[in-house]
């Protein structure tokens, strides 16, 4: 729950109202976004152009 609330700034009640499967889906999507951002941050600038 904290993972979703931290990244989306959603209040605890809103996150708690999500079904478990939906919370898991959001966690996977957030993790994928973070992986993509990390990959871009570690590549030399020439490869990003």
N, C-alpha and C. Protein backbone atom coordinates (compact mmCIF):
# COMPACT_ATOMS: atom_id res chain seq x y z
N UNK A 1 0.81 -1.18 0.00
CA UNK A 1 0.00 0.00 0.00
C UNK A 1 0.86 1.25 0.00
N UNK A 2 1.86 1.28 0.84
CA UNK A 2 2.71 2.46 0.91
C UNK A 2 3.40 2.73 -0.42
N UNK A 3 3.75 1.69 -1.13
CA UNK A 3 4.40 1.81 -2.44
C UNK A 3 3.52 2.61 -3.39
N UNK A 4 2.25 2.26 -3.47
CA UNK A 4 1.31 2.95 -4.36
C UNK A 4 1.06 4.37 -3.86
N UNK A 5 0.81 4.51 -2.57
CA UNK A 5 0.53 5.84 -2.01
C UNK A 5 1.70 6.78 -2.22
N UNK A 6 2.91 6.28 -2.06
CA UNK A 6 4.11 7.10 -2.23
C UNK A 6 4.22 7.61 -3.67
N UNK A 7 4.07 6.72 -4.63
CA UNK A 7 4.28 7.09 -6.03
C UNK A 7 3.14 7.92 -6.61
N UNK A 8 1.91 7.67 -6.17
CA UNK A 8 0.77 8.39 -6.73
C UNK A 8 0.21 9.46 -5.80
N UNK A 9 0.71 9.51 -4.58
CA UNK A 9 0.21 10.47 -3.59
C UNK A 9 -1.28 10.29 -3.33
N UNK A 10 -1.71 9.04 -3.35
CA UNK A 10 -3.10 8.73 -3.05
C UNK A 10 -3.27 8.57 -1.55
N UNK A 11 -4.41 8.98 -1.00
CA UNK A 11 -4.64 8.79 0.43
C UNK A 11 -4.84 7.30 0.75
N UNK A 12 -4.55 6.96 1.99
CA UNK A 12 -4.63 5.55 2.43
C UNK A 12 -6.00 4.95 2.14
N UNK A 13 -7.06 5.68 2.40
CA UNK A 13 -8.42 5.16 2.20
C UNK A 13 -8.65 4.79 0.73
N UNK A 14 -8.13 5.59 -0.17
CA UNK A 14 -8.32 5.30 -1.60
C UNK A 14 -7.58 4.02 -2.00
N UNK A 15 -6.37 3.86 -1.50
CA UNK A 15 -5.60 2.65 -1.81
C UNK A 15 -6.28 1.43 -1.18
N UNK A 16 -6.78 1.57 0.02
CA UNK A 16 -7.45 0.45 0.70
C UNK A 16 -8.72 0.03 -0.01
N UNK A 17 -9.36 0.94 -0.73
CA UNK A 17 -10.59 0.61 -1.43
C UNK A 17 -10.35 -0.17 -2.72
N UNK A 18 -9.11 -0.24 -3.16
CA UNK A 18 -8.79 -1.03 -4.34
C UNK A 18 -8.83 -2.52 -4.01
N UNK A 19 -9.24 -3.31 -4.98
CA UNK A 19 -9.17 -4.77 -4.82
C UNK A 19 -7.70 -5.17 -4.79
N UNK A 20 -7.43 -6.27 -4.13
CA UNK A 20 -6.05 -6.75 -3.99
C UNK A 20 -5.38 -6.91 -5.36
N UNK A 21 -6.09 -7.50 -6.30
CA UNK A 21 -5.52 -7.72 -7.64
C UNK A 21 -5.19 -6.39 -8.31
N UNK A 22 -6.02 -5.40 -8.10
CA UNK A 22 -5.76 -4.09 -8.71
C UNK A 22 -4.55 -3.43 -8.06
N UNK A 23 -4.40 -3.57 -6.74
CA UNK A 23 -3.20 -3.03 -6.08
C UNK A 23 -1.94 -3.70 -6.63
N UNK A 24 -2.00 -5.00 -6.83
CA UNK A 24 -0.85 -5.72 -7.39
C UNK A 24 -0.53 -5.23 -8.80
N UNK A 25 -1.58 -4.97 -9.60
CA UNK A 25 -1.38 -4.48 -10.96
C UNK A 25 -0.70 -3.11 -10.94
N UNK A 26 -1.14 -2.22 -10.05
CA UNK A 26 -0.51 -0.91 -9.94
C UNK A 26 0.95 -1.04 -9.52
N UNK A 27 1.23 -1.94 -8.60
CA UNK A 27 2.62 -2.15 -8.15
C UNK A 27 3.50 -2.62 -9.30
N UNK A 28 2.98 -3.53 -10.12
CA UNK A 28 3.76 -4.00 -11.28
C UNK A 28 4.01 -2.85 -12.25
N UNK A 29 3.00 -2.04 -12.49
CA UNK A 29 3.17 -0.94 -13.44
C UNK A 29 4.15 0.11 -12.91
N UNK A 30 4.05 0.44 -11.64
CA UNK A 30 4.99 1.39 -11.04
C UNK A 30 6.41 0.84 -11.14
N UNK A 31 6.58 -0.43 -10.83
CA UNK A 31 7.90 -1.06 -10.89
C UNK A 31 8.47 -1.02 -12.30
N UNK A 32 7.63 -1.26 -13.29
CA UNK A 32 8.08 -1.23 -14.68
C UNK A 32 8.52 0.19 -15.06
N UNK A 33 7.76 1.18 -14.67
CA UNK A 33 8.13 2.58 -14.94
C UNK A 33 9.47 2.89 -14.28
N UNK A 34 9.64 2.48 -13.03
CA UNK A 34 10.90 2.73 -12.33
C UNK A 34 12.08 2.05 -13.01
N UNK A 35 11.87 0.81 -13.50
CA UNK A 35 12.94 0.11 -14.21
C UNK A 35 13.33 0.86 -15.49
N UNK A 36 12.32 1.34 -16.23
CA UNK A 36 12.61 2.08 -17.46
C UNK A 36 13.37 3.37 -17.15
N UNK A 37 12.97 4.07 -16.11
CA UNK A 37 13.66 5.30 -15.74
C UNK A 37 15.09 5.02 -15.29
N UNK A 38 15.27 3.95 -14.53
CA UNK A 38 16.62 3.57 -14.09
C UNK A 38 17.51 3.22 -15.27
N UNK A 39 16.96 2.50 -16.24
CA UNK A 39 17.73 2.13 -17.44
C UNK A 39 18.17 3.38 -18.19
N UNK A 40 17.28 4.34 -18.34
CA UNK A 40 17.62 5.57 -19.04
C UNK A 40 18.68 6.36 -18.29
N UNK A 41 18.61 6.35 -16.98
CA UNK A 41 19.57 7.10 -16.16
C UNK A 41 20.97 6.52 -16.24
N UNK A 42 21.10 5.23 -16.50
CA UNK A 42 22.41 4.60 -16.52
C UNK A 42 23.04 4.56 -17.91
N UNK A 43 22.28 4.93 -18.95
CA UNK A 43 22.82 4.92 -20.31
C UNK A 43 23.54 6.22 -20.61
N UNK A 44 24.58 6.16 -21.41
CA UNK A 44 25.25 7.39 -21.83
C UNK A 44 24.27 8.25 -22.62
N UNK A 45 24.44 9.54 -22.56
CA UNK A 45 23.53 10.49 -23.21
C UNK A 45 23.43 10.25 -24.71
N UNK A 46 24.49 9.80 -25.36
CA UNK A 46 24.48 9.57 -26.81
C UNK A 46 23.44 8.52 -27.21
N UNK A 47 23.23 7.52 -26.37
CA UNK A 47 22.29 6.46 -26.71
C UNK A 47 20.85 6.89 -26.53
N UNK A 48 20.62 7.99 -25.82
CA UNK A 48 19.27 8.45 -25.59
C UNK A 48 18.77 9.37 -26.69
N UNK A 49 19.68 9.84 -27.54
CA UNK A 49 19.29 10.78 -28.60
C UNK A 49 18.83 10.10 -29.83
